[in-house]
Protein backbone atom coordinates (compact mmCIF):
# COMPACT_ATOMS: atom_id res chain seq x y z
CA MET A 1 0.10 -0.09 -0.07
CA MET A 2 2.61 2.58 1.04
CA ASN A 3 4.57 1.67 -2.02
CA ARG A 4 1.28 2.78 -4.56
CA ILE A 5 1.04 5.48 -2.00
CA ILE A 6 4.29 6.43 -3.56
CA ILE A 7 4.38 6.13 -6.90
CA VAL A 8 1.11 8.02 -6.90
CA LEU A 9 2.48 10.96 -5.29
CA ALA A 10 5.51 11.12 -7.81
CA PHE A 11 2.99 10.99 -10.54
CA VAL A 12 1.33 13.40 -8.97
CA LEU A 13 4.57 15.96 -9.13
CA SER A 14 5.53 15.09 -12.06
CA LEU A 15 2.57 16.10 -13.61
CA GLY A 16 2.96 19.56 -11.58
CA VAL A 17 6.29 19.89 -13.45
CA THR A 18 5.01 19.25 -16.41
CA ARG A 19 2.49 21.38 -16.54
CA ALA A 20 5.03 24.39 -15.65
CA GLN A 21 6.96 23.38 -17.87
CA ASP A 22 4.19 23.50 -20.44
CA LYS A 23 3.74 26.83 -19.94
CA PRO A 24 5.64 29.87 -21.30
CA LEU A 25 8.17 29.91 -19.10
CA ASN A 26 8.67 33.43 -17.47
CA ILE A 27 12.18 35.43 -16.89
CA LEU A 28 13.25 37.70 -14.09
CA LEU A 29 16.70 39.01 -14.39
CA PHE A 30 17.41 40.85 -11.03
CA THR A 31 20.82 43.01 -11.26
CA ALA A 32 22.87 44.70 -8.55
CA ASP A 33 24.66 47.88 -9.26
CA ASP A 34 28.39 47.50 -7.94
CA LEU A 35 27.96 44.89 -5.84
CA GLY A 36 31.75 43.19 -5.51
CA TYR A 37 31.49 39.79 -5.51
CA GLU A 38 33.13 40.10 -1.39
CA ALA A 39 29.95 41.23 -0.46
CA SER A 40 27.98 38.62 -1.13
CA GLY A 41 28.20 35.73 1.85
CA THR A 42 28.71 33.01 -0.94
CA PHE A 43 31.92 34.27 -1.08
CA GLY A 44 31.92 36.73 1.82
CA ARG A 45 34.98 38.47 3.68
CA ASN A 46 33.24 38.48 7.46
CA ILE A 47 30.69 40.79 7.36
CA PRO A 48 27.69 39.63 9.73
CA ASP A 49 24.19 38.76 8.06
CA LEU A 50 24.97 41.11 4.73
CA THR A 51 23.04 38.86 2.43
CA PRO A 52 20.56 36.47 4.28
CA ASN A 53 17.87 36.90 1.32
CA LEU A 54 20.62 36.42 -1.43
CA ASP A 55 22.37 33.58 0.39
CA LYS A 56 19.04 31.53 1.00
CA PHE A 57 17.98 32.26 -2.99
CA ALA A 58 21.50 30.94 -3.64
CA ASP A 59 21.13 28.01 -1.45
CA GLY A 60 17.74 27.38 -3.48
CA GLY A 61 19.18 27.05 -7.10
CA VAL A 62 22.25 26.97 -9.07
CA ARG A 63 25.24 28.94 -8.10
CA PHE A 64 28.33 29.67 -10.12
CA ASP A 65 31.13 30.48 -8.28
CA GLN A 66 33.54 31.22 -11.76
CA ALA A 67 30.94 33.75 -13.01
CA HIS A 68 32.14 37.57 -14.19
CA THR A 69 31.02 40.48 -16.28
CA ASN A 70 32.50 41.23 -19.37
CA THR A 71 32.92 44.90 -19.64
CA PRO A 72 32.42 45.81 -15.86
CA ILE A 73 31.30 49.18 -15.97
CA CYS A 74 27.37 49.77 -15.88
CA MET A 75 25.76 50.93 -19.28
CA PRO A 76 28.52 48.70 -21.63
CA SER A 77 28.18 46.25 -19.48
CA ARG A 78 23.82 45.82 -19.29
CA SER A 79 24.51 46.33 -23.20
CA ILE A 80 26.58 42.73 -23.26
CA MET A 81 23.76 41.34 -21.06
CA ALA A 82 21.02 42.55 -23.70
CA THR A 83 23.13 40.96 -26.77
CA GLY A 84 24.88 38.30 -25.63
CA LEU A 85 26.99 40.64 -27.97
CA TYR A 86 30.75 41.70 -26.25
CA GLY A 87 31.41 45.58 -26.67
CA VAL A 88 33.88 45.13 -29.49
CA SER A 89 31.43 42.90 -31.21
CA SER A 90 28.42 45.33 -30.99
CA GLY A 91 30.08 48.72 -31.15
CA MET A 92 29.08 49.06 -28.01
CA MET A 93 32.13 49.91 -26.25
CA GLY A 94 31.06 52.59 -23.71
CA PHE A 95 28.35 54.40 -22.52
CA MET A 96 26.67 54.64 -26.10
CA HIS A 97 23.45 53.17 -27.72
CA MET A 98 23.89 50.09 -30.85
CA LYS A 99 24.54 51.75 -33.48
CA LYS A 100 24.32 48.93 -35.97
CA LYS A 101 21.13 46.90 -35.29
CA VAL A 102 21.37 43.35 -33.40
CA PRO A 103 19.06 40.93 -31.62
CA THR A 104 18.81 42.14 -27.96
CA THR A 105 16.71 40.35 -25.82
CA MET A 106 14.04 42.71 -25.03
CA GLN A 107 13.10 43.33 -28.11
CA THR A 108 12.96 39.23 -29.09
CA PHE A 109 10.64 38.69 -26.06
CA GLN A 110 8.35 41.52 -27.04
CA ASP A 111 7.76 40.17 -30.60
CA ASN A 112 7.18 36.23 -29.36
CA GLY A 113 4.41 37.69 -27.42
CA TYR A 114 6.01 38.45 -23.58
CA LEU A 115 5.36 41.48 -21.39
CA THR A 116 8.39 43.53 -21.34
CA GLY A 117 9.15 44.98 -18.18
CA ILE A 118 11.93 47.36 -16.10
CA LEU A 119 12.05 48.83 -13.07
CA GLY A 120 15.60 50.95 -12.25
CA LYS A 121 18.45 51.86 -14.97
CA VAL A 122 15.96 52.16 -17.97
CA ASN A 123 18.75 54.43 -20.10
CA HIS A 124 21.65 52.33 -19.56
CA SER A 125 19.73 48.66 -20.16
CA THR A 126 18.25 50.04 -23.47
CA PRO A 127 20.53 49.89 -25.94
CA ASP A 128 18.31 49.98 -28.81
CA MET A 129 16.86 54.07 -28.56
CA GLN A 130 13.96 52.73 -30.81
CA PHE A 131 12.69 49.82 -28.19
CA LYS A 132 9.63 50.65 -26.43
CA TRP A 133 9.18 48.55 -22.80
CA ASP A 134 5.53 47.90 -22.22
CA TYR A 135 6.01 48.30 -18.21
CA VAL A 136 8.52 51.58 -16.94
CA HIS A 137 9.19 52.99 -13.58
CA ASP A 138 12.66 54.47 -12.96
CA TYR A 139 15.07 56.24 -11.04
CA ALA A 140 12.61 58.94 -9.09
CA GLU A 141 9.60 56.57 -8.99
CA LEU A 142 11.51 54.10 -7.16
CA GLY A 143 12.92 56.44 -4.65
CA ALA A 144 16.09 57.02 -5.95
CA GLY A 145 16.27 53.51 -6.66
CA ARG A 146 16.17 52.86 -3.14
CA SER A 147 12.85 51.86 -1.62
CA PRO A 148 12.37 48.23 -1.54
CA SER A 149 8.62 48.67 -0.88
CA LYS A 150 8.36 50.68 -3.94
CA TYR A 151 10.26 47.95 -6.08
CA ALA A 152 7.82 45.35 -4.46
CA ALA A 153 4.32 47.55 -5.29
CA PHE A 154 5.57 47.61 -8.63
CA SER A 155 6.65 44.30 -9.49
CA THR A 156 2.97 43.15 -7.67
CA GLU A 157 1.44 46.11 -9.92
CA PHE A 158 3.32 44.14 -12.83
CA PHE A 159 2.60 40.62 -12.26
CA GLU A 160 -0.77 41.23 -11.55
CA ARG A 161 -0.87 42.70 -15.92
CA CYS A 162 0.84 39.70 -17.12
CA LYS A 163 -1.72 37.47 -15.26
CA ASP A 164 -4.84 39.56 -16.48
CA GLU A 165 -3.53 39.61 -19.98
CA GLY A 166 -2.47 36.04 -20.14
CA LYS A 167 0.48 36.89 -20.98
CA PRO A 168 4.10 35.19 -19.70
CA PHE A 169 6.87 38.00 -18.88
CA TYR A 170 10.59 39.53 -19.41
CA PHE A 171 11.19 41.44 -16.05
CA MET A 172 14.58 43.35 -15.58
CA VAL A 173 14.59 45.00 -12.13
CA ASN A 174 17.68 46.83 -11.50
CA SER A 175 18.50 48.09 -7.75
CA HIS A 176 20.46 51.44 -7.85
CA ASP A 177 21.99 49.89 -4.73
CA PRO A 178 24.70 49.56 -4.09
CA HIS A 179 25.94 52.00 -6.27
CA ARG A 180 27.55 55.23 -5.10
CA PRO A 181 26.29 57.63 -2.51
CA PHE A 182 26.19 54.82 -0.35
CA TYR A 183 23.89 54.61 2.94
CA ASP A 184 25.07 57.10 5.11
CA PRO A 185 23.35 57.44 8.37
CA GLU A 186 25.28 60.76 8.47
CA LYS A 187 23.46 62.18 5.72
CA PRO A 188 20.07 63.08 4.84
CA MET A 189 18.39 60.54 2.73
CA LYS A 190 16.96 61.20 -1.05
CA LYS A 191 13.17 61.64 -1.81
CA GLY A 192 11.76 58.42 -1.23
CA GLU A 193 14.63 56.57 -0.31
CA GLU A 194 14.50 53.92 2.73
CA ARG A 195 16.63 53.06 5.52
CA PRO A 196 18.78 49.78 5.20
CA SER A 197 17.24 46.62 7.82
CA LYS A 198 20.64 46.66 9.08
CA LEU A 199 23.60 49.05 9.68
CA TYR A 200 27.64 48.61 9.97
CA SER A 201 29.91 50.18 11.43
CA PRO A 202 33.78 50.90 10.61
CA ASP A 203 34.66 48.49 13.23
CA GLU A 204 32.64 45.57 11.68
CA VAL A 205 34.28 45.30 8.12
CA GLU A 206 37.04 43.60 6.78
CA VAL A 207 38.92 45.79 4.42
CA PRO A 208 40.16 43.91 0.83
CA GLY A 209 43.32 44.29 0.08
CA TYR A 210 43.13 46.04 -2.61
CA LEU A 211 42.45 48.80 -0.44
CA PRO A 212 44.62 50.81 2.00
CA ASP A 213 43.06 49.77 5.71
CA ILE A 214 42.74 53.83 6.76
CA PRO A 215 40.00 55.26 8.50
CA GLN A 216 38.58 56.85 5.17
CA VAL A 217 38.36 53.54 3.55
CA ARG A 218 36.57 51.97 6.68
CA TYR A 219 34.08 54.39 6.85
CA GLU A 220 33.16 54.08 3.18
CA LEU A 221 33.10 50.22 2.85
CA ALA A 222 30.49 50.45 6.47
CA CYS A 223 28.36 52.97 4.37
CA TYR A 224 28.56 50.64 1.12
CA TYR A 225 27.66 47.63 3.40
CA ASN A 226 24.61 49.62 4.43
CA SER A 227 23.64 50.11 0.59
CA VAL A 228 24.22 45.96 0.20
CA ARG A 229 22.07 45.29 2.97
CA ARG A 230 19.15 47.36 1.02
CA LEU A 231 20.11 45.74 -2.33
CA ASP A 232 19.29 42.17 -0.38
CA ASP A 233 16.02 43.72 1.23
CA THR A 234 15.18 44.64 -2.12
CA PHE A 235 15.41 41.78 -3.44
CA ASN A 236 13.49 40.00 -1.05
CA ALA A 237 10.44 42.22 -1.55
CA VAL A 238 10.76 41.50 -5.47
CA ILE A 239 10.64 37.82 -4.52
CA ASP A 240 7.93 37.53 -2.26
CA ALA A 241 5.79 39.90 -4.86
CA LEU A 242 6.43 37.12 -7.39
CA LYS A 243 5.62 34.55 -4.85
CA ASP A 244 2.60 36.37 -3.27
CA ALA A 245 1.50 36.38 -7.38
CA GLY A 246 1.58 32.49 -7.57
CA LEU A 247 4.61 33.00 -10.50
CA TYR A 248 7.55 32.05 -8.83
CA ASP A 249 7.08 28.07 -9.75
CA ASN A 250 6.91 29.10 -13.43
CA THR A 251 9.86 31.63 -13.71
CA MET A 252 13.53 31.47 -14.65
CA ILE A 253 15.59 33.86 -11.86
CA VAL A 254 18.72 35.16 -12.35
CA PHE A 255 20.25 37.47 -9.89
CA LEU A 256 23.82 38.98 -11.06
CA SER A 257 25.98 42.40 -10.79
CA ASP A 258 27.17 44.76 -13.48
CA ASN A 259 30.57 45.27 -12.37
CA GLY A 260 32.68 45.20 -8.99
CA SER A 261 32.37 47.42 -6.03
CA ALA A 262 33.04 50.98 -6.72
CA PHE A 263 36.30 51.63 -5.26
CA PRO A 264 39.56 51.98 -7.28
CA PHE A 265 40.99 49.07 -8.39
CA ALA A 266 37.44 47.14 -8.55
CA LYS A 267 35.18 48.82 -10.83
CA ALA A 268 36.01 49.79 -14.34
CA ASN A 269 38.91 47.95 -14.31
CA THR A 270 40.21 44.07 -15.20
CA TYR A 271 41.04 42.96 -11.90
CA VAL A 272 39.04 39.95 -10.69
CA ALA A 273 37.39 42.46 -8.13
CA SER A 274 36.23 44.30 -11.12
CA THR A 275 34.67 41.62 -12.67
CA LYS A 276 33.92 38.76 -10.50
CA THR A 277 30.02 38.97 -9.49
CA PRO A 278 27.54 36.76 -7.21
CA PHE A 279 25.19 34.66 -10.35
CA TYR A 280 22.66 32.94 -8.97
CA ILE A 281 19.82 31.30 -10.55
CA HIS A 282 16.60 29.68 -10.08
CA HIS A 283 14.71 27.51 -12.49
CA PRO A 284 12.01 25.27 -12.34
CA GLY A 285 12.04 21.54 -11.99
CA MET A 286 16.01 22.01 -11.64
CA LYS A 287 17.76 20.87 -8.65
CA ALA A 288 18.60 22.99 -5.85
CA GLY A 289 22.07 23.67 -3.85
CA HIS A 290 24.21 22.84 -7.17
CA VAL A 291 27.13 24.51 -7.06
CA ASP A 292 29.27 25.02 -10.06
CA ASP A 293 33.00 26.39 -9.59
CA LYS A 294 34.35 24.75 -12.46
CA HIS A 295 33.21 26.47 -15.65
CA MET A 296 34.44 29.83 -16.86
CA VAL A 297 30.75 31.59 -16.79
CA ALA A 298 29.69 35.33 -17.70
CA GLU A 299 26.90 37.79 -18.19
CA VAL A 300 27.43 37.42 -22.30
CA ASP A 301 25.92 33.95 -21.74
CA LEU A 302 22.59 35.06 -20.64
CA PHE A 303 20.94 36.16 -23.88
CA ALA A 304 21.79 32.52 -25.14
CA THR A 305 20.47 31.23 -21.98
CA PHE A 306 17.18 32.68 -22.20
CA LEU A 307 16.38 31.78 -25.83
CA ASP A 308 17.32 27.96 -24.85
CA ALA A 309 15.26 27.81 -21.68
CA THR A 310 11.73 29.69 -23.36
CA GLY A 311 12.96 27.29 -26.84
CA ILE A 312 13.14 30.91 -28.80
CA THR A 313 15.34 31.24 -31.68
CA ILE A 314 16.91 33.98 -33.34
CA ASN A 315 18.37 33.44 -36.91
CA GLU A 316 21.83 35.96 -35.26
CA GLN A 317 24.35 33.90 -33.35
CA THR A 318 25.98 35.26 -30.16
CA ASP A 319 28.99 35.60 -28.40
CA GLY A 320 27.38 33.98 -25.39
CA LYS A 321 26.96 30.15 -24.88
CA SER A 322 23.44 29.04 -22.94
CA LEU A 323 23.91 27.73 -19.64
CA MET A 324 21.17 25.25 -19.57
CA PRO A 325 23.46 21.98 -19.64
CA LEU A 326 25.24 23.47 -16.69
CA ILE A 327 22.23 24.25 -15.15
CA GLU A 328 21.22 20.78 -15.55
CA GLY A 329 24.11 19.52 -13.99
CA LYS A 330 26.27 18.89 -17.03
CA ASN A 331 29.62 19.30 -18.48
CA GLN A 332 30.39 21.86 -21.18
CA LYS A 333 33.40 22.09 -23.48
CA ASP A 334 35.26 25.94 -24.19
CA ARG A 335 34.36 27.38 -21.21
CA ASP A 336 38.17 27.56 -19.85
CA TYR A 337 38.98 31.45 -20.57
CA HIS A 338 36.87 34.35 -18.96
CA PHE A 339 37.85 37.70 -21.41
CA GLY A 340 37.57 41.30 -19.96
CA GLU A 341 37.61 44.30 -21.63
CA ILE A 342 37.13 48.07 -21.08
CA ASP A 343 37.21 50.74 -23.80
CA TYR A 344 35.74 54.18 -22.50
CA LYS A 345 34.10 55.51 -19.09
CA ILE A 346 31.45 58.02 -18.89
CA GLY A 347 33.72 60.72 -19.19
CA GLY A 348 37.29 61.75 -20.39
CA LYS A 349 39.40 59.69 -22.94
CA ALA A 350 40.03 55.75 -23.98
CA THR A 351 41.49 53.73 -21.76
CA PRO A 352 41.53 50.09 -23.58
CA MET A 353 42.06 47.33 -21.16
CA ARG A 354 42.13 43.79 -21.92
CA SER A 355 42.33 40.62 -19.35
CA VAL A 356 41.97 36.63 -19.86
CA ASP A 357 41.20 34.39 -16.78
CA ASN A 358 41.97 30.82 -16.74
CA LYS A 359 40.92 30.00 -13.04
CA ARG A 360 44.10 30.17 -12.00
CA PHE A 361 46.02 32.95 -13.07
CA ARG A 362 44.80 36.41 -15.08
CA TYR A 363 46.72 38.41 -17.43
CA ILE A 364 45.80 42.29 -17.72
CA PHE A 365 46.48 44.39 -20.84
CA ASN A 366 46.87 48.10 -20.43
CA PRO A 367 48.32 50.40 -23.57
CA TRP A 368 46.59 53.71 -22.37
CA HIS A 369 49.32 53.10 -19.94
CA MET A 370 51.71 54.55 -22.97
CA THR A 371 50.02 57.74 -23.52
CA GLY A 372 50.68 59.08 -20.12
CA TYR A 373 46.79 59.50 -19.58
CA ARG A 374 45.97 60.08 -15.64
CA TYR A 375 43.28 57.61 -15.01
CA SER A 376 40.35 58.76 -12.75
CA ASN A 377 36.58 57.75 -11.91
CA SER A 378 33.92 57.99 -10.25
CA ASN A 379 34.17 55.02 -7.81
CA GLU A 380 37.04 56.45 -5.85
CA GLY A 381 35.24 58.25 -3.50
CA GLU A 382 37.32 60.76 -1.06
CA ILE A 383 40.30 57.82 -0.56
CA LEU A 384 42.63 58.46 -3.59
CA LYS A 385 42.16 62.08 -2.47
CA THR A 386 42.96 61.73 0.77
CA ILE A 387 45.99 59.55 0.32
CA GLU A 388 47.56 62.09 -2.31
CA LYS A 389 46.70 64.91 -0.32
CA ASP A 390 47.54 63.82 3.36
CA PRO A 391 50.87 63.67 4.24
CA GLU A 392 50.27 61.12 6.83
CA PHE A 393 49.22 58.40 4.33
CA ALA A 394 52.39 58.88 2.10
CA GLU A 395 53.08 54.97 2.07
CA TYR A 396 50.23 54.83 0.42
CA LEU A 397 51.31 57.42 -2.72
CA GLU A 398 52.95 54.51 -4.62
CA TRP A 399 49.35 52.38 -4.27
CA ALA A 400 47.84 55.84 -5.86
CA LYS A 401 50.40 56.27 -8.43
CA MET A 402 49.67 52.25 -9.32
CA TYR A 403 46.27 53.23 -9.67
CA ARG A 404 46.51 56.17 -11.60
CA TYR A 405 49.31 55.17 -14.83
CA ARG A 406 49.36 51.42 -14.39
CA LEU A 407 52.22 49.45 -16.22
CA PRO A 408 51.58 48.45 -19.63
CA GLU A 409 51.00 44.11 -18.55
CA GLU A 410 50.44 42.42 -15.82
CA LEU A 411 49.60 39.24 -14.46
CA TYR A 412 48.44 37.96 -10.84
CA ASP A 413 47.80 34.58 -9.50
CA VAL A 414 44.42 34.51 -8.61
CA VAL A 415 43.84 31.68 -6.72
CA ASN A 416 46.80 32.60 -4.16
CA ASP A 417 46.58 36.75 -4.93
CA PRO A 418 42.85 37.42 -5.78
CA ASP A 419 43.31 41.14 -4.50
CA ALA A 420 46.25 41.16 -7.49
CA THR A 421 48.83 42.64 -4.63
CA ASN A 422 51.66 40.95 -6.32
CA ASN A 423 52.13 41.39 -10.52
CA LEU A 424 54.45 38.50 -11.54
CA ILE A 425 54.87 39.88 -14.96
CA ASP A 426 58.81 39.65 -14.81
CA ASP A 427 58.89 36.87 -12.63
CA PRO A 428 60.56 34.24 -15.00
CA ASN A 429 58.80 31.50 -12.71
CA TYR A 430 55.82 32.52 -14.38
CA GLN A 431 56.45 32.99 -18.39
CA LYS A 432 54.99 29.84 -19.84
CA GLU A 433 51.55 30.91 -17.99
CA LEU A 434 52.40 34.04 -19.32
CA ALA A 435 52.63 33.15 -22.77
CA GLU A 436 49.51 30.53 -22.59
CA LEU A 437 47.30 33.86 -21.58
CA GLN A 438 48.89 36.42 -24.57
CA GLN A 439 47.95 34.12 -26.97
CA ALA A 440 44.44 33.32 -25.63
CA LEU A 441 43.55 36.57 -25.51
CA ARG A 442 45.33 37.39 -28.59
CA ASN A 443 43.15 34.19 -30.52
CA TRP A 444 39.94 35.97 -28.76
CA MET A 445 40.78 39.43 -30.07
CA VAL A 446 41.33 38.24 -33.71
CA GLU A 447 38.06 36.25 -33.56
CA LYS A 448 36.17 39.26 -32.53
CA LYS A 449 38.10 41.58 -34.64
CA ASP A 450 38.83 43.87 -32.07
CA PRO A 451 40.58 47.42 -32.36
CA ALA A 452 42.34 46.83 -29.76
CA LEU A 453 44.57 43.85 -31.29
CA THR A 454 46.74 46.14 -33.18
CA LEU A 455 47.92 47.63 -30.28
CA PHE A 456 48.55 44.20 -28.75
CA ASP A 457 50.61 43.22 -31.58
CA ASN A 458 52.89 46.49 -31.21
CA ARG A 459 52.42 46.32 -27.19
CA GLN A 460 56.56 46.80 -27.44
CA ASP A 461 56.52 50.18 -29.61
CA LYS A 462 55.83 52.61 -27.86
CA LYS A 463 55.20 55.08 -30.30
CA LEU A 464 53.17 53.28 -32.22
CA VAL A 465 50.94 52.42 -29.75
CA ASN A 466 50.58 56.39 -28.62
CA ASP A 467 49.83 57.08 -32.13
CA TYR A 468 46.94 54.60 -33.08
CA MET A 469 45.40 55.44 -29.69
CA GLN A 470 45.33 59.36 -30.86
CA ASN A 471 44.54 58.48 -34.45
CA GLU A 472 43.29 55.23 -35.37
CA PHE A 473 41.30 54.13 -31.82
CA PRO A 474 37.44 54.18 -32.58
CA THR A 475 36.33 57.14 -30.87
CA LYS A 476 33.09 57.72 -29.02
CA ARG A 477 31.49 59.83 -31.55
CA SER A 478 32.24 57.30 -34.40
CA LEU A 479 30.42 54.53 -31.86
CA MET A 480 27.15 56.50 -30.73
CA PRO A 481 23.88 56.19 -33.55
CA ASP A 482 22.87 59.74 -34.68
CA GLU A 483 19.85 60.03 -32.11
CA GLN A 484 22.16 59.89 -29.32
CA LEU A 485 24.65 62.38 -31.08
CA GLU A 486 21.20 64.54 -31.17
CA GLU A 487 20.34 64.04 -27.87
CA ILE A 488 23.64 64.93 -26.26
CA LYS A 489 23.75 68.26 -28.68
CA ARG A 490 20.71 68.95 -27.15
CA LYS A 491 21.45 68.47 -23.89
CA ALA A 492 24.50 70.78 -24.39
CA GLU A 493 22.23 73.55 -26.12
CA LEU A 494 19.78 73.29 -22.66
CA LYS A 495 22.63 73.46 -20.15
CA LYS A 496 24.44 76.59 -22.35
CA LYS A 497 20.94 78.02 -22.38
CA ASN A 498 20.07 78.00 -18.81
CA LYS A 499 24.04 79.02 -17.80
CA ALA A 500 23.03 82.30 -20.06
CA ALA A 501 19.47 82.62 -18.25
CA ASP A 502 21.18 82.21 -14.67
CA LYS A 503 23.84 84.91 -15.71
CA LYS A 504 21.34 87.37 -16.73
CA GLY A 505 19.03 87.21 -14.01
CA LYS A 506 22.46 87.35 -11.40
CA LYS A 507 22.63 90.99 -13.11
CA ALA A 508 19.26 91.58 -12.67
CA LYS A 509 19.96 91.26 -9.22
CA HIS A 510 22.27 93.49 -9.09
């Protein structure tokens, strides 16, 4: 009798799985903004109770421990998520929309009868300026992108609309946490912003090896962890809304960050701290608690994965490969390397960087070093200024100089030195490993028609590299579509007009 009950129960459960699979699969892509891998409990440093909801989600799904972003800076990273193409393949090598039309996740799903929705980071996550989402709420409506309750309310509204219309969904939820400005309890909050459920003190933080252990760093890290905790609050609020809507069991959920934390040697660079990301997937019917630490995976794989999971096809080829075999616990060939690229930040000149990682070593190529350009970015906070101006921290000036100017080539043992503190590029004991990675990178650059290939092949010729950077490397304007150039022109004219009006108003007062 007991055997019959077990057989019947197994049959009923199998029917439930089959029905879920027969329905069109929903896709929920949740991204963090500037979440370093080390801030996640699954990798974590010794920070108490930092991401309890994300940790629980990771334990209940599939976790990829060798996961990376490919272009670790905001809009370029999100363009890769949307297209499944490296920046050098799509032409989106910085903060630019697409100039040449290529398939995108949102357009593809919309064309196949899905409702498309987005919360937060709308401009940075929509590479095609002509695309119209079915459901949109952005920064201001979301409490500066930092209100868990508003994310929950809008998510609920979107899920109910999908149910009412009887349509599956592609829903991209982008938290603005833990992007700067971090949550600082000593400063006023932005309109609609909410307090994290837990706050951290400078004494509680663990300083990563790529940062100096000074009071300014500890204070900024504490504020950063406050924002990380609020990200965790937001994620939990959205997942609860999905469950309350009765859609959790038929939804593929992916969580990752767009790049590393907003600190020097992390975001907008190509170190491990720049590219490595928490990467968790829930897929209906899959075994919970699976950890893949063998295969190198990346954001470039997302589009191919979503297509494979839903059975939708496109005519064009993506650079990435479906993760479905790995989600199912199988092995997959040709996942031995990760490739990273940076070309343009939101402002300033081109600073091309390329990296290749084989889980044991990481090689980095910095041709911009040869131009004498002084590197800076908005992820510095007050750390660099403090060190460069205060004699008390003079011992860290070489660290700051390395950040500002780099070296043309770097090699790190990512197992024993993930914080990239010991450059092995000239060590005779690692020349074999160096040669392997250099060849792997060159093969990739040739395959992708990378404009930095000329720089790589002539990396010993400083004059040629400098001339090519100045005269031949693709410019921002050459990569932008006409609509974006016109928008930039309009904004510049409006800024000029407002400045003239302010000047006129001040004269009238006098």
